[in-house]
PDB file of N, CA and C in Angstrom:
ATOM      1  N   MET A   1       6.373  22.655  -1.742  1.00  0.00           N
ATOM      2  CA  MET A   1       5.020  22.916  -2.633  1.00  0.00           C
ATOM      3  C   MET A   1       4.334  21.972  -2.133  1.00  0.00           C
ATOM      4  N   GLY A   2       4.727  20.697  -1.519  1.00  0.00           N
ATOM      5  CA  GLY A   2       4.739  19.523  -0.964  1.00  0.00           C
ATOM      6  C   GLY A   2       3.186  19.949   0.199  1.00  0.00           C
ATOM      7  N   ASP A   3       3.809  20.484   0.627  1.00  0.00           N
ATOM      8  CA  ASP A   3       2.877  20.994   1.847  1.00  0.00           C
ATOM      9  C   ASP A   3       1.440  21.984   1.700  1.00  0.00           C
ATOM     10  N   ALA A   4       2.091  22.608   0.246  1.00  0.00           N
ATOM     11  CA  ALA A   4       0.560  23.149  -0.410  1.00  0.00           C
ATOM     12  C   ALA A   4      -0.283  22.066  -0.470  1.00  0.00           C
ATOM     13  N   ILE A   5       0.607  21.096  -1.787  1.00  0.00           N
ATOM     14  CA  ILE A   5      -0.550  20.352  -2.108  1.00  0.00           C
ATOM     15  C   ILE A   5      -0.897  19.180  -0.812  1.00  0.00           C
ATOM     16  N   GLN A   6       0.159  18.642   0.069  1.00  0.00           N
ATOM     17  CA  GLN A   6      -0.461  18.002   1.294  1.00  0.00           C
ATOM     18  C   GLN A   6      -1.963  18.562   2.097  1.00  0.00           C
ATOM     19  N   LYS A   7      -1.818  20.959   2.311  1.00  0.00           N
ATOM     20  CA  LYS A   7      -2.885  21.120   3.389  1.00  0.00           C
ATOM     21  C   LYS A   7      -4.083  20.506   2.078  1.00  0.00           C
ATOM     22  N   GLN A   8      -3.943  20.789   0.693  1.00  0.00           N
ATOM     23  CA  GLN A   8      -5.331  20.898  -0.299  1.00  0.00           C
ATOM     24  C   GLN A   8      -6.255  19.814   0.697  1.00  0.00           C
ATOM     25  N   ILE A   9      -4.911  18.487   0.139  1.00  0.00           N
ATOM     26  CA  ILE A   9      -6.251  17.080   0.282  1.00  0.00           C
ATOM     27  C   ILE A   9      -6.677  17.002   1.788  1.00  0.00           C
ATOM     28  N   LEU A  10      -5.934  17.945   2.328  1.00  0.00           N
ATOM     29  CA  LEU A  10      -6.074  16.980   4.436  1.00  0.00           C
ATOM     30  C   LEU A  10      -8.008  18.478   4.305  1.00  0.00           C
ATOM     31  N   SER A  11      -7.599  19.151   3.424  1.00  0.00           N
ATOM     32  CA  SER A  11      -8.742  20.338   3.555  1.00  0.00           C
ATOM     33  C   SER A  11     -10.351  19.065   2.682  1.00  0.00           C
ATOM     34  N   ASP A  12      -9.998  18.513   1.837  1.00  0.00           N
ATOM     35  CA  ASP A  12     -10.409  17.942   0.781  1.00  0.00           C
ATOM     36  C   ASP A  12     -11.244  17.111   1.709  1.00  0.00           C
ATOM     37  N   ILE A  13     -10.132  16.069   2.040  1.00  0.00           N
ATOM     38  CA  ILE A  13     -10.799  15.085   3.642  1.00  0.00           C
ATOM     39  C   ILE A  13     -11.697  15.433   4.438  1.00  0.00           C
ATOM     40  N   SER A  14     -11.147  16.744   4.956  1.00  0.00           N
ATOM     41  CA  SER A  14     -12.636  17.551   6.044  1.00  0.00           C
ATOM     42  C   SER A  14     -13.933  17.878   5.542  1.00  0.00           C
ATOM     43  N   GLN A  15     -13.848  18.310   4.553  1.00  0.00           N
ATOM     44  CA  GLN A  15     -15.079  18.623   3.518  1.00  0.00           C
ATOM     45  C   GLN A  15     -16.389  16.888   4.037  1.00  0.00           C
ATOM     46  N   CYS A  16     -15.199  16.073   3.804  1.00  0.00           N
ATOM     47  CA  CYS A  16     -15.755  14.828   2.913  1.00  0.00           C
ATOM     48  C   CYS A  16     -16.387  14.655   4.873  1.00  0.00           C
ATOM     49  N   LYS A  17     -17.870  13.002   4.489  1.00  0.00           N
ATOM     50  CA  LYS A  17     -17.324  12.829   5.607  1.00  0.00           C
ATOM     51  C   LYS A  17     -16.628  11.388   6.692  1.00  0.00           C
ATOM     52  N   TYR A  18     -16.929  10.348   5.112  1.00  0.00           N
ATOM     53  CA  TYR A  18     -15.321   9.723   5.826  1.00  0.00           C
ATOM     54  C   TYR A  18     -14.384   9.219   4.616  1.00  0.00           C
ATOM     55  N   PHE A  19     -13.547   8.843   5.249  1.00  0.00           N
ATOM     56  CA  PHE A  19     -12.196   8.280   4.095  1.00  0.00           C
ATOM     57  C   PHE A  19     -11.507   7.005   4.610  1.00  0.00           C
ATOM     58  N   SER A  20     -10.997   6.310   3.747  1.00  0.00           N
ATOM     59  CA  SER A  20     -10.119   5.147   4.104  1.00  0.00           C
ATOM     60  C   SER A  20      -8.615   5.191   3.510  1.00  0.00           C
ATOM     61  N   ILE A  21      -7.913   4.261   4.390  1.00  0.00           N
ATOM     62  CA  ILE A  21      -7.048   4.471   3.902  1.00  0.00           C
ATOM     63  C   ILE A  21      -6.562   3.197   3.434  1.00  0.00           C
ATOM     64  N   GLN A  22      -4.683   3.785   2.890  1.00  0.00           N
ATOM     65  CA  GLN A  22      -3.868   2.496   2.055  1.00  0.00           C
ATOM     66  C   GLN A  22      -2.467   2.638   2.748  1.00  0.00           C
ATOM     67  N   ALA A  23      -2.053   1.609   3.172  1.00  0.00           N
ATOM     68  CA  ALA A  23      -0.555   1.644   3.681  1.00  0.00           C
ATOM     69  C   ALA A  23       0.315   0.130   3.189  1.00  0.00           C
ATOM     70  N   ASP A  24       1.805   0.822   3.320  1.00  0.00           N
ATOM     71  CA  ASP A  24       2.154  -0.012   2.581  1.00  0.00           C
ATOM     72  C   ASP A  24       4.091   0.285   3.016  1.00  0.00           C
ATOM     73  N   GLU A  25       4.385  -1.021   3.885  1.00  0.00           N
ATOM     74  CA  GLU A  25       5.395  -0.769   4.492  1.00  0.00           C
ATOM     75  C   GLU A  25       7.107  -0.866   3.362  1.00  0.00           C
ATOM     76  N   THR A  26       7.922  -0.169   3.071  1.00  0.00           N
ATOM     77  CA  THR A  26       9.177  -0.144   1.854  1.00  0.00           C
ATOM     78  C   THR A  26      10.521  -0.246   2.388  1.00  0.00           C
ATOM     79  N   THR A  27      11.036  -0.746   2.019  1.00  0.00           N
ATOM     80  CA  THR A  27      12.743  -0.293   2.575  1.00  0.00           C
ATOM     81  C   THR A  27      12.926   0.416   0.847  1.00  0.00           C
ATOM     82  N   ASP A  28      13.576   1.707   1.310  1.00  0.00           N
ATOM     83  CA  ASP A  28      14.169   2.792   0.004  1.00  0.00           C
ATOM     84  C   ASP A  28      15.347   2.266  -0.778  1.00  0.00           C
ATOM     85  N   VAL A  29      15.824   2.837  -0.783  1.00  0.00           N
ATOM     86  CA  VAL A  29      17.406   2.672  -1.446  1.00  0.00           C
ATOM     87  C   VAL A  29      18.185   2.836  -1.234  1.00  0.00           C
ATOM     88  N   SER A  30      18.075   4.010   0.424  1.00  0.00           N
ATOM     89  CA  SER A  30      18.898   4.382   1.232  1.00  0.00           C
ATOM     90  C   SER A  30      19.023   3.265   2.991  1.00  0.00           C
ATOM     91  N   GLN A  31      18.332   1.597   2.032  1.00  0.00           N
ATOM     92  CA  GLN A  31      17.915   1.179   3.225  1.00  0.00           C
ATOM     93  C   GLN A  31      17.358   1.991   4.888  1.00  0.00           C
ATOM     94  N   THR A  32      16.371   2.911   4.426  1.00  0.00           N
ATOM     95  CA  THR A  32      15.764   3.533   5.445  1.00  0.00           C
ATOM     96  C   THR A  32      14.011   2.816   4.723  1.00  0.00           C
ATOM     97  N   GLU A  33      13.509   2.481   6.360  1.00  0.00           N
ATOM     98  CA  GLU A  33      12.084   1.847   6.335  1.00  0.00           C
ATOM     99  C   GLU A  33      11.043   2.816   6.512  1.00  0.00           C
ATOM    100  N   GLN A  34      10.599   3.010   5.494  1.00  0.00           N
ATOM    101  CA  GLN A  34       9.211   4.495   5.537  1.00  0.00           C
ATOM    102  C   GLN A  34       7.828   3.713   4.973  1.00  0.00           C
ATOM    103  N   LEU A  35       6.416   4.132   6.332  1.00  0.00           N
ATOM    104  CA  LEU A  35       5.484   3.655   5.692  1.00  0.00           C
ATOM    105  C   LEU A  35       4.472   4.860   4.834  1.00  0.00           C
ATOM    106  N   SER A  36       4.321   4.316   3.482  1.00  0.00           N
ATOM    107  CA  SER A  36       3.620   4.983   2.800  1.00  0.00           C
ATOM    108  C   SER A  36       2.247   5.460   2.933  1.00  0.00           C
ATOM    109  N   LEU A  37       1.346   6.213   3.432  1.00  0.00           N
ATOM    110  CA  LEU A  37       0.051   6.498   4.132  1.00  0.00           C
ATOM    111  C   LEU A  37      -0.714   7.459   2.105  1.00  0.00           C
ATOM    112  N   SER A  38      -1.875   6.483   1.959  1.00  0.00           N
ATOM    113  CA  SER A  38      -2.478   7.080   0.809  1.00  0.00           C
ATOM    114  C   SER A  38      -4.157   7.082   1.381  1.00  0.00           C
ATOM    115  N   VAL A  39      -5.086   7.858   1.179  1.00  0.00           N
ATOM    116  CA  VAL A  39      -5.970   8.137   1.428  1.00  0.00           C
ATOM    117  C   VAL A  39      -7.289   7.948   0.129  1.00  0.00           C
ATOM    118  N   ARG A  40      -8.530   7.454   0.529  1.00  0.00           N
ATOM    119  CA  ARG A  40      -9.307   7.429  -0.215  1.00  0.00           C
ATOM    120  C   ARG A  40     -10.980   8.259  -0.173  1.00  0.00           C
ATOM    121  N   PHE A  41     -11.170   8.832  -0.697  1.00  0.00           N
ATOM    122  CA  PHE A  41     -12.201  10.043  -0.096  1.00  0.00           C
ATOM    123  C   PHE A  41     -13.065   9.957  -1.802  1.00  0.00           C
ATOM    124  N   ILE A  42     -14.167  10.646  -1.329  1.00  0.00           N
ATOM    125  CA  ILE A  42     -15.322  10.971  -2.422  1.00  0.00           C
ATOM    126  C   ILE A  42     -15.265  12.124  -2.335  1.00  0.00           C
ATOM    127  N   LYS A  43     -14.991  12.531  -2.946  1.00  0.00           N
ATOM    128  CA  LYS A  43     -15.771  14.486  -3.192  1.00  0.00           C
ATOM    129  C   LYS A  43     -16.838  14.453  -4.968  1.00  0.00           C
ATOM    130  N   ASP A  44     -17.527  15.422  -4.477  1.00  0.00           N
ATOM    131  CA  ASP A  44     -18.231  15.684  -5.667  1.00  0.00           C
ATOM    132  C   ASP A  44     -18.831  14.545  -7.073  1.00  0.00           C
ATOM    133  N   THR A  45     -18.706  13.400  -6.449  1.00  0.00           N
ATOM    134  CA  THR A  45     -19.314  12.611  -6.326  1.00  0.00           C
ATOM    135  C   THR A  45     -18.521  11.432  -7.525  1.00  0.00           C
ATOM    136  N   LYS A  46     -17.436  11.909  -6.802  1.00  0.00           N
ATOM    137  CA  LYS A  46     -16.122  11.164  -7.557  1.00  0.00           C
ATOM    138  C   LYS A  46     -14.924  10.496  -6.265  1.00  0.00           C
ATOM    139  N   VAL A  47     -14.319   9.761  -6.449  1.00  0.00           N
ATOM    140  CA  VAL A  47     -13.671   9.094  -5.940  1.00  0.00           C
ATOM    141  C   VAL A  47     -12.413   9.588  -6.242  1.00  0.00           C
ATOM    142  N   HIS A  48     -11.596   9.587  -4.917  1.00  0.00           N
ATOM    143  CA  HIS A  48      -9.744  10.307  -5.096  1.00  0.00           C
ATOM    144  C   HIS A  48      -9.067   9.715  -4.605  1.00  0.00           C
ATOM    145  N   GLU A  49      -8.197   9.081  -4.918  1.00  0.00           N
ATOM    146  CA  GLU A  49      -6.922   9.051  -4.033  1.00  0.00           C
ATOM    147  C   GLU A  49      -5.751   8.816  -4.056  1.00  0.00           C
ATOM    148  N   GLU A  50      -5.924   9.996  -3.041  1.00  0.00           N
ATOM    149  CA  GLU A  50      -4.146  10.690  -3.007  1.00  0.00           C
ATOM    150  C   GLU A  50      -3.216   9.729  -2.281  1.00  0.00           C
ATOM    151  N   PHE A  51      -2.224  10.195  -2.561  1.00  0.00           N
ATOM    152  CA  PHE A  51      -1.375  10.399  -1.413  1.00  0.00           C
ATOM    153  C   PHE A  51      -0.544  11.073  -0.438  1.00  0.00           C
ATOM    154  N   LEU A  52      -0.211  11.142   0.473  1.00  0.00           N
ATOM    155  CA  LEU A  52       0.277  11.502   2.062  1.00  0.00           C
ATOM    156  C   LEU A  52       1.123  11.875   2.593  1.00  0.00           C
ATOM    157  N   CYS A  53       1.753  11.072   2.379  1.00  0.00           N
ATOM    158  CA  CYS A  53       3.760  11.106   2.918  1.00  0.00           C
ATOM    159  C   CYS A  53       3.728   9.686   3.256  1.00  0.00           C
ATOM    160  N   PHE A  54       4.715   9.747   3.145  1.00  0.00           N
ATOM    161  CA  PHE A  54       6.041   8.898   3.270  1.00  0.00           C
ATOM    162  C   PHE A  54       6.487   8.818   5.455  1.00  0.00           C
ATOM    163  N   VAL A  55       6.303   7.554   5.779  1.00  0.00           N
ATOM    164  CA  VAL A  55       6.507   8.501   7.113  1.00  0.00           C
ATOM    165  C   VAL A  55       7.892   7.177   7.809  1.00  0.00           C
ATOM    166  N   PRO A  56       8.356   7.444   8.193  1.00  0.00           N
ATOM    167  CA  PRO A  56      10.268   6.580   8.239  1.00  0.00           C
ATOM    168  C   PRO A  56      10.063   5.673  10.145  1.00  0.00           C
ATOM    169  N   VAL A  57      10.069   4.381   9.393  1.00  0.00           N
ATOM    170  CA  VAL A  57       9.961   3.653  11.188  1.00  0.00           C
ATOM    171  C   VAL A  57      10.867   2.558  11.333  1.00  0.00           C
ATOM    172  N   SER A  58      11.439   2.237  12.782  1.00  0.00           N
ATOM    173  CA  SER A  58      12.233   2.123  13.207  1.00  0.00           C
ATOM    174  C   SER A  58      11.377  -0.026  13.053  1.00  0.00           C
ATOM    175  N   SER A  59      10.575  -0.114  13.169  1.00  0.00           N
ATOM    176  CA  SER A  59       9.865  -1.053  13.122  1.00  0.00           C
ATOM    177  C   SER A  59       8.825  -1.411  12.223  1.00  0.00           C
ATOM    178  N   SER A  60       8.555  -2.675  12.287  1.00  0.00           N
ATOM    179  CA  SER A  60       7.611  -3.123  11.149  1.00  0.00           C
ATOM    180  C   SER A  60       6.994  -4.459  11.576  1.00  0.00           C
ATOM    181  N   THR A  61       6.898  -4.068  12.735  1.00  0.00           N
ATOM    182  CA  THR A  61       5.912  -5.288  13.554  1.00  0.00           C
ATOM    183  C   THR A  61       4.510  -4.498  13.555  1.00  0.00           C
ATOM    184  N   GLY A  62       3.074  -5.628  13.065  1.00  0.00           N
ATOM    185  CA  GLY A  62       2.195  -4.777  12.890  1.00  0.00           C
ATOM    186  C   GLY A  62       1.221  -3.951  14.467  1.00  0.00           C
ATOM    187  N   LYS A  63       1.813  -4.648  15.385  1.00  0.00           N
ATOM    188  CA  LYS A  63       1.200  -3.539  16.074  1.00  0.00           C
ATOM    189  C   LYS A  63       2.233  -1.748  16.173  1.00  0.00           C
ATOM    190  N   ASP A  64       3.253  -2.080  15.622  1.00  0.00           N
ATOM    191  CA  ASP A  64       3.823  -0.498  15.620  1.00  0.00           C
ATOM    192  C   ASP A  64       3.844   0.438  14.694  1.00  0.00           C
ATOM    193  N   LEU A  65       3.469  -0.639  13.437  1.00  0.00           N
ATOM    194  CA  LEU A  65       3.151   0.422  12.404  1.00  0.00           C
ATOM    195  C   LEU A  65       1.713   0.649  12.466  1.00  0.00           C
ATOM    196  N   ALA A  66       0.634   0.549  12.927  1.00  0.00           N
ATOM    197  CA  ALA A  66      -0.497   0.903  13.504  1.00  0.00           C
ATOM    198  C   ALA A  66      -0.430   1.586  14.368  1.00  0.00           C
ATOM    199  N   SER A  67      -0.009   2.032  15.303  1.00  0.00           N
ATOM    200  CA  SER A  67       0.799   3.425  16.046  1.00  0.00           C
ATOM    201  C   SER A  67       1.036   3.708  15.260  1.00  0.00           C
ATOM    202  N   THR A  68       2.093   4.086  14.283  1.00  0.00           N
ATOM    203  CA  THR A  68       2.754   4.709  13.714  1.00  0.00           C
ATOM    204  C   THR A  68       1.589   5.347  12.758  1.00  0.00           C
ATOM    205  N   ILE A  69       0.850   4.302  12.432  1.00  0.00           N
ATOM    206  CA  ILE A  69      -0.206   5.075  11.425  1.00  0.00           C
ATOM    207  C   ILE A  69      -1.372   6.554  11.805  1.00  0.00           C
ATOM    208  N   PHE A  70      -1.847   5.770  13.198  1.00  0.00           N
ATOM    209  CA  PHE A  70      -3.005   6.767  14.243  1.00  0.00           C
ATOM    210  C   PHE A  70      -1.927   8.107  14.398  1.00  0.00           C
ATOM    211  N   THR A  71      -0.936   7.773  14.678  1.00  0.00           N
ATOM    212  CA  THR A  71      -0.241   9.100  15.186  1.00  0.00           C
ATOM    213  C   THR A  71      -0.123   9.394  14.002  1.00  0.00           C
ATOM    214  N   GLN A  72       0.150   9.788  12.908  1.00  0.00           N
ATOM    215  CA  GLN A  72       0.990   9.777  11.600  1.00  0.00           C
ATOM    216  C   GLN A  72      -0.776  10.777  11.380  1.00  0.00           C
ATOM    217  N   LEU A  73      -1.632   9.781  11.562  1.00  0.00           N
ATOM    218  CA  LEU A  73      -3.114  10.716  10.752  1.00  0.00           C
ATOM    219  C   LEU A  73      -2.863  11.627  11.631  1.00  0.00           C
ATOM    220  N   SER A  74      -2.915  11.595  13.240  1.00  0.00           N
ATOM    221  CA  SER A  74      -3.707  12.578  14.520  1.00  0.00           C
ATOM    222  C   SER A  74      -2.791  13.664  13.624  1.00  0.00           C
ATOM    223  N   GLN A  75      -1.372  13.755  13.771  1.00  0.00           N
ATOM    224  CA  GLN A  75      -0.462  14.888  13.456  1.00  0.00           C
ATOM    225  C   GLN A  75      -1.134  15.876  12.170  1.00  0.00           C
ATOM    226  N   LEU A  76      -1.699  14.899  11.472  1.00  0.00           N
ATOM    227  CA  LEU A  76      -2.717  15.135  10.071  1.00  0.00           C
ATOM    228  C   LEU A  76      -3.869  16.153  10.086  1.00  0.00           C
ATOM    229  N   GLY A  77      -3.873  16.061  11.857  1.00  0.00           N
ATOM    230  CA  GLY A  77      -5.273  16.782  12.098  1.00  0.00           C
ATOM    231  C   GLY A  77      -6.949  15.994  11.445  1.00  0.00           C
ATOM    232  N   LEU A  78      -7.092  14.207  10.785  1.00  0.00           N
ATOM    233  CA  LEU A  78      -7.493  13.633  10.200  1.00  0.00           C
ATOM    234  C   LEU A  78      -8.136  13.337  11.618  1.00  0.00           C
ATOM    235  N   ASN A  79      -9.596  12.865  12.173  1.00  0.00           N
ATOM    236  CA  ASN A  79     -10.598  12.516  12.811  1.00  0.00           C
ATOM    237  C   ASN A  79     -10.604  11.015  12.441  1.00  0.00           C
ATOM    238  N   LEU A  80     -10.189  10.385  13.317  1.00  0.00           N
ATOM    239  CA  LEU A  80      -9.887   8.764  13.319  1.00  0.00           C
ATOM    240  C   LEU A  80     -11.078   8.139  12.974  1.00  0.00           C
ATOM    241  N   GLU A  81     -11.958   8.928  14.138  1.00  0.00           N
ATOM    242  CA  GLU A  81     -13.463   8.037  13.856  1.00  0.00           C
ATOM    243  C   GLU A  81     -14.087   8.000  12.775  1.00  0.00           C
ATOM    244  N   HIS A  82     -13.499   9.143  11.076  1.00  0.00           N
ATOM    245  CA  HIS A  82     -14.340   8.561   9.990  1.00  0.00           C
ATOM    246  C   HIS A  82     -13.606   8.420   9.061  1.00  0.00           C
ATOM    247  N   MET A  83     -12.450   7.456   9.744  1.00  0.00           N
ATOM    248  CA  MET A  83     -12.321   6.397   9.198  1.00  0.00           C
ATOM    249  C   MET A  83     -13.181   5.446   9.010  1.00  0.00           C
ATOM    250  N   CYS A  84     -12.667   4.364   7.803  1.00  0.00           N
ATOM    251  CA  CYS A  84     -14.525   3.774   7.800  1.00  0.00           C
ATOM    252  C   CYS A  84     -13.672   2.272   6.651  1.00  0.00           C
ATOM    253  N   ALA A  85     -12.511   2.233   6.325  1.00  0.00           N
ATOM    254  CA  ALA A  85     -11.629   1.267   5.653  1.00  0.00           C
ATOM    255  C   ALA A  85     -10.247   1.166   5.859  1.00  0.00           C
ATOM    256  N   GLN A  86      -9.862   0.528   5.373  1.00  0.00           N
ATOM    257  CA  GLN A  86      -8.143   0.158   5.485  1.00  0.00           C
ATOM    258  C   GLN A  86      -7.507  -0.972   4.575  1.00  0.00           C
ATOM    259  N   GLY A  87      -6.477  -0.489   4.051  1.00  0.00           N
ATOM    260  CA  GLY A  87      -5.716  -1.444   3.129  1.00  0.00           C
ATOM    261  C   GLY A  87      -4.406  -1.616   2.686  1.00  0.00           C
ATOM    262  N   TYR A  88      -4.233  -2.631   3.051  1.00  0.00           N
ATOM    263  CA  TYR A  88      -3.091  -3.099   2.572  1.00  0.00           C
ATOM    264  C   TYR A  88      -2.405  -3.693   1.822  1.00  0.00           C
ATOM    265  N   ASP A  89      -1.227  -3.908   1.202  1.00  0.00           N
ATOM    266  CA  ASP A  89      -0.898  -5.248   0.211  1.00  0.00           C
ATOM    267  C   ASP A  89      -1.039  -6.938   1.637  1.00  0.00           C
ATOM    268  N   GLY A  90      -0.440  -7.993   0.822  1.00  0.00           N
ATOM    269  CA  GLY A  90      -0.764  -9.246   1.854  1.00  0.00           C
ATOM    270  C   GLY A  90       0.224  -9.833   2.406  1.00  0.00           C
ATOM    271  N   ALA A  91       1.824  -8.619   2.704  1.00  0.00           N
ATOM    272  CA  ALA A  91       2.537  -9.384   3.392  1.00  0.00           C
ATOM    273  C   ALA A  91       1.879  -9.686   5.109  1.00  0.00           C
ATOM    274  N   SER A  92       2.300  -9.678   5.331  1.00  0.00           N
ATOM    275  CA  SER A  92       1.488 -10.875   6.812  1.00  0.00           C
ATOM    276  C   SER A  92       1.744  -9.476   7.890  1.00  0.00           C
ATOM    277  N   ASN A  93       3.185  -9.125   7.908  1.00  0.00           N
ATOM    278  CA  ASN A  93       2.446  -7.879   9.032  1.00  0.00           C
ATOM    279  C   ASN A  93       2.236  -6.838   9.159  1.00  0.00           C
ATOM    280  N   MET A  94       1.272  -7.261   7.557  1.00  0.00           N
ATOM    281  CA  MET A  94       0.114  -5.367   7.301  1.00  0.00           C
ATOM    282  C   MET A  94      -1.024  -6.346   7.428  1.00  0.00           C
ATOM    283  N   SER A  95      -1.257  -7.529   7.159  1.00  0.00           N
ATOM    284  CA  SER A  95      -2.812  -8.047   6.900  1.00  0.00           C
ATOM    285  C   SER A  95      -3.158  -8.828   7.615  1.00  0.00           C
ATOM    286  N   ARG A  96      -2.106  -9.679   9.250  1.00  0.00           N
ATOM    287  CA  ARG A  96      -2.250 -10.510   9.489  1.00  0.00           C
ATOM    288  C   ARG A  96      -3.269 -10.650  10.542  1.00  0.00           C
ATOM    289  N   LYS A  97      -4.195 -11.340  10.485  1.00  0.00           N
ATOM    290  CA  LYS A  97      -5.424 -11.450  11.660  1.00  0.00           C
ATOM    291  C   LYS A  97      -5.350 -11.438  12.401  1.00  0.00           C
ATOM    292  N   TYR A  98      -4.570 -11.643  13.565  1.00  0.00           N
ATOM    293  CA  TYR A  98      -4.529 -10.791  14.901  1.00  0.00           C
ATOM    294  C   TYR A  98      -3.287 -10.769  15.228  1.00  0.00           C
ATOM    295  N   ARG A  99      -2.369 -10.343  14.487  1.00  0.00           N
ATOM    296  CA  ARG A  99      -1.556  -9.266  14.837  1.00  0.00           C
ATOM    297  C   ARG A  99      -0.720  -8.229  14.136  1.00  0.00           C
ATOM    298  N   GLY A 100      -1.438  -8.618  12.570  1.00  0.00           N
ATOM    299  CA  GLY A 100      -0.510  -7.029  11.854  1.00  0.00           C
ATOM    300  C   GLY A 100      -1.175  -6.124  11.823  1.00  0.00           C
ATOM    301  N   VAL A 101      -1.223  -4.796  10.768  1.00  0.00           N
ATOM    302  CA  VAL A 101      -1.291  -3.250  11.242  1.00  0.00           C
ATOM    303  C   VAL A 101      -3.284  -3.952  10.672  1.00  0.00           C
ATOM    304  N   GLN A 102      -3.938  -4.455  10.448  1.00  0.00           N
ATOM    305  CA  GLN A 102      -4.845  -4.347   9.984  1.00  0.00           C
ATOM    306  C   GLN A 102      -5.870  -4.698  11.598  1.00  0.00           C
ATOM    307  N   SER A 103      -5.190  -5.486  12.357  1.00  0.00           N
ATOM    308  CA  SER A 103      -6.000  -6.016  12.783  1.00  0.00           C
ATOM    309  C   SER A 103      -5.595  -4.703  14.086  1.00  0.00           C
ATOM    310  N   GLY A 104      -4.000  -3.894  14.308  1.00  0.00           N
ATOM    311  CA  GLY A 104      -4.174  -3.243  15.500  1.00  0.00           C
ATOM    312  C   GLY A 104      -5.792  -1.945  15.458  1.00  0.00           C
ATOM    313  N   VAL A 105      -4.630  -1.729  13.703  1.00  0.00           N
ATOM    314  CA  VAL A 105      -6.195  -1.478  13.560  1.00  0.00           C
ATOM    315  C   VAL A 105      -7.919  -0.886  14.161  1.00  0.00           C
ATOM    316  N   LYS A 106      -8.106  -1.828  13.985  1.00  0.00           N
ATOM    317  CA  LYS A 106      -9.450  -2.421  14.045  1.00  0.00           C
ATOM    318  C   LYS A 106     -10.055  -2.301  15.531  1.00  0.00           C
ATOM    319  N   GLU A 107      -8.537  -2.362  16.704  1.00  0.00           N
ATOM    320  CA  GLU A 107      -9.269  -1.943  18.075  1.00  0.00           C
ATOM    321  C   GLU A 107      -9.455  -0.923  18.167  1.00  0.00           C
TER     322      GLU A 107
END
């Protein structure tokens, strides 16, 4: 069922020109580090915010998380050139100006 929902979300995004991402790294109750990846897009004049997936990560450095985001979005078939914005929590590894995920994605 989850795959069917994800496929529909990806289809909706592909019908839109632009999308933005929201990402957050967390450790779950089993002590597994993972990245939560969500998207925002406009469809039929309405803003949609949808959860895409959790991605297990082995490193929480800004560079590695940015690489994980790019890899996951590409594997999902999203055109990275249509990503127009990014959002993160205030943690330094996510939003640090020069070495956080934000700066890695901007490059």
